[in-house]
Amino acid sequence: MNLQSLVESYGYAAVFVGSLLEGETLVIMGGFAAHVGYLELPWVVAAAFAGGFLGDQIYFYLGRRHGAKVLAHFPSLRSRGGRVQALLRKYDALLIVGVRFLYGLRTVGPMAIGMSGIAPLRFAAYNCAGAALWAVLIGALGYAFGHALELLLADVERYELVILAAVAAAGLALHLVQRRRGGRDEP
């Protein structure tokens, strides 16, 4: 099985699952795959929206029902949750829409919002707007990344495997740096 058939077969599912968790890297990769013709950008955006919206809804309800227990098991999240609570008191609607753009708060943000007492329908409405904005912007960023590479490299298809591996490695490196920094933030 070659890269093209692999991406065509599992690309949308990978974008959905990646968006359900944290997702920027896989959405950027999906946008890039759309630029080179393996996927279609509207479907990449739809998969990213669905995964991003559903993931944050799950984290919201997890925070609403079990927030204290989760924070007890993951003390490094406590300081980030406190930051979200402080921001929420000032900018609730803006924070709900924008929390997915705040690196390191993507998972804990909706949990902390769930613990805050915000009405579930209010959260769902703003989460829907945030997920749509995020999916379009990050998907378009991946597509634009592909376009920029095409301008720099005459034969992008020749390097696509290396490019996708580099994007994945960069995403993994950012995740590991964030996890390491999170451990030092513990009280």
Foldseek 3Di string as FASTA:
>chain_A
DDPLVVCLVCLLVQQLQLLLPLHLLSLLLSLLCCLVPSDPLVSSLVSNLNSNLNSLLVLLVCLLPPVVVVCVVPVLLVVVLVVLVVVCVPPVLCCLLCQSVDPPRSRVNSSSVSNPPPDSVSSSVSSSNSSNVVSVVSSVNSNVVNVVVVVVDVCCVVCSVVVSVVSVVVVVVVVVVSVVVSVVPGD
